[in-house]
Amino acid sequence: MNQRVREHLASFNAAQRSGDWRPFLAGFAHDAVMSFAGMPAGPYTGRAAIAQAYAQRPPTDTMRAVSVRTEQDTDVVRFAWDAGGTGTMTLRWRDGQLTSLHVAFD
């Protein structure tokens, strides 16, 4: 697993445990987009909209990577929630910041 995915997951899990999403959100570019497949949520465009989404509906579980496939500025991460359930995140990066986060749950 590469460093940026490791840091993203560690930051997510720390935010979920503490309830303070600010450090996690700082990793998103100002114009980032967060979207979900098959869910009536989003897409959320811009860091402020993403922050509001996490404030209104914070995740209730931590996660771990099962596998990671990387091609240049994109990481496809198969993940598992610690309480059960799996999914795939596609993360796109620019200059060390997340520009796109797309999540599909199994």
Protein backbone atom coordinates (compact mmCIF):
# COMPACT_ATOMS: atom_id res chain seq x y z
CA MET A 1 0.00 0.00 0.00
CA ASN A 2 1.41 3.38 -0.92
CA GLN A 3 1.98 6.21 1.55
CA ARG A 4 -0.91 8.43 0.40
CA VAL A 5 -3.47 5.63 0.84
CA ARG A 6 -1.98 4.69 4.20
CA GLU A 7 -2.24 8.33 5.36
CA HIS A 8 -5.77 8.73 3.98
CA LEU A 9 -7.03 5.67 5.85
CA ALA A 10 -5.22 6.59 9.08
CA SER A 11 -6.66 10.11 8.92
CA PHE A 12 -10.17 8.79 8.21
CA ASN A 13 -10.01 6.31 11.11
CA ALA A 14 -8.63 8.95 13.51
CA ALA A 15 -11.44 11.35 12.51
CA GLN A 16 -14.10 8.68 12.93
CA ARG A 17 -12.81 7.84 16.41
CA SER A 18 -12.42 11.45 17.56
CA GLY A 19 -15.30 13.09 15.71
CA ASP A 20 -12.92 15.82 14.51
CA TRP A 21 -12.99 15.70 10.71
CA ARG A 22 -10.87 18.84 10.14
CA PRO A 23 -7.49 17.08 9.78
CA PHE A 24 -9.02 14.52 7.40
CA LEU A 25 -10.74 17.20 5.32
CA ALA A 26 -7.50 19.15 4.99
CA GLY A 27 -6.32 16.37 2.66
CA PHE A 28 -8.99 17.28 0.09
CA ALA A 29 -8.34 19.88 -2.61
CA HIS A 30 -10.60 22.93 -2.41
CA ASP A 31 -12.42 21.75 -5.56
CA ALA A 32 -12.58 18.04 -4.70
CA VAL A 33 -15.62 15.90 -5.51
CA MET A 34 -16.94 13.09 -3.33
CA SER A 35 -19.51 10.70 -4.80
CA PHE A 36 -21.17 7.40 -3.98
CA ALA A 37 -22.49 4.64 -6.23
CA GLY A 38 -25.98 3.40 -5.50
CA MET A 39 -26.64 5.75 -2.59
CA PRO A 40 -28.97 8.72 -2.38
CA ALA A 41 -26.13 10.99 -1.29
CA GLY A 42 -24.00 13.48 -3.19
CA PRO A 43 -22.14 14.15 -5.23
CA TYR A 44 -20.53 16.77 -3.02
CA THR A 45 -18.40 19.36 -4.81
CA GLY A 46 -15.83 21.39 -2.93
CA ARG A 47 -14.19 20.90 0.45
CA ALA A 48 -16.93 22.88 2.24
CA ALA A 49 -19.70 20.65 0.82
CA ILE A 50 -17.71 17.53 1.70
CA ALA A 51 -17.18 18.86 5.25
CA GLN A 52 -20.91 19.48 5.59
CA ALA A 53 -21.64 15.92 4.43
CA TYR A 54 -19.32 14.47 7.09
CA ALA A 55 -20.85 16.76 9.73
CA GLN A 56 -24.41 15.74 8.84
CA ARG A 57 -23.81 12.00 8.32
CA PRO A 58 -20.50 10.95 9.86
CA PRO A 59 -19.37 7.39 9.23
CA THR A 60 -19.91 5.09 12.19
CA ASP A 61 -17.06 2.66 11.60
CA THR A 62 -13.36 2.49 10.82
CA MET A 63 -11.91 0.71 7.81
CA ARG A 64 -8.83 -1.06 6.51
CA ALA A 65 -7.45 -1.65 3.04
CA VAL A 66 -7.78 -5.15 1.63
CA SER A 67 -5.94 -4.36 -1.62
CA VAL A 68 -4.68 -1.34 -3.52
CA ARG A 69 -4.12 -0.88 -7.25
CA THR A 70 -2.27 2.28 -8.27
CA GLU A 71 -1.91 3.91 -11.67
CA GLN A 72 -0.16 7.28 -11.63
CA ASP A 73 -2.49 9.70 -9.78
CA THR A 74 -5.27 7.17 -9.07
CA ASP A 75 -5.62 4.55 -6.34
CA VAL A 76 -8.34 1.91 -6.37
CA VAL A 77 -8.72 0.61 -2.83
CA ARG A 78 -10.74 -2.45 -1.86
CA PHE A 79 -11.66 -1.87 1.78
CA ALA A 80 -13.39 -3.61 4.65
CA TRP A 81 -15.28 -1.92 7.45
CA ASP A 82 -14.05 -3.15 10.81
CA ALA A 83 -17.62 -4.06 11.86
CA GLY A 84 -18.24 -5.89 8.57
CA GLY A 85 -18.98 -5.01 4.97
CA THR A 86 -16.76 -4.16 2.04
CA GLY A 87 -16.47 -1.76 -0.84
CA THR A 88 -14.20 0.02 -3.28
CA MET A 89 -12.85 3.56 -3.14
CA THR A 90 -11.35 5.29 -6.14
CA LEU A 91 -9.10 8.15 -5.07
CA ARG A 92 -7.60 10.67 -7.49
CA TRP A 93 -4.78 12.97 -6.44
CA ARG A 94 -3.24 16.25 -7.54
CA ASP A 95 -0.21 17.80 -5.85
CA GLY A 96 -0.63 15.59 -2.80
CA GLN A 97 -4.31 16.41 -2.28
CA LEU A 98 -7.37 14.34 -2.97
CA THR A 99 -9.36 15.70 -5.93
CA SER A 100 -11.91 12.91 -6.26
CA LEU A 101 -13.24 10.26 -3.91
CA HIS A 102 -15.75 7.80 -5.35
CA VAL A 103 -17.11 5.07 -3.06
CA ALA A 104 -19.04 1.95 -4.01
CA PHE A 105 -20.32 -0.40 -1.30
CA ASP A 106 -20.76 -4.12 -1.93
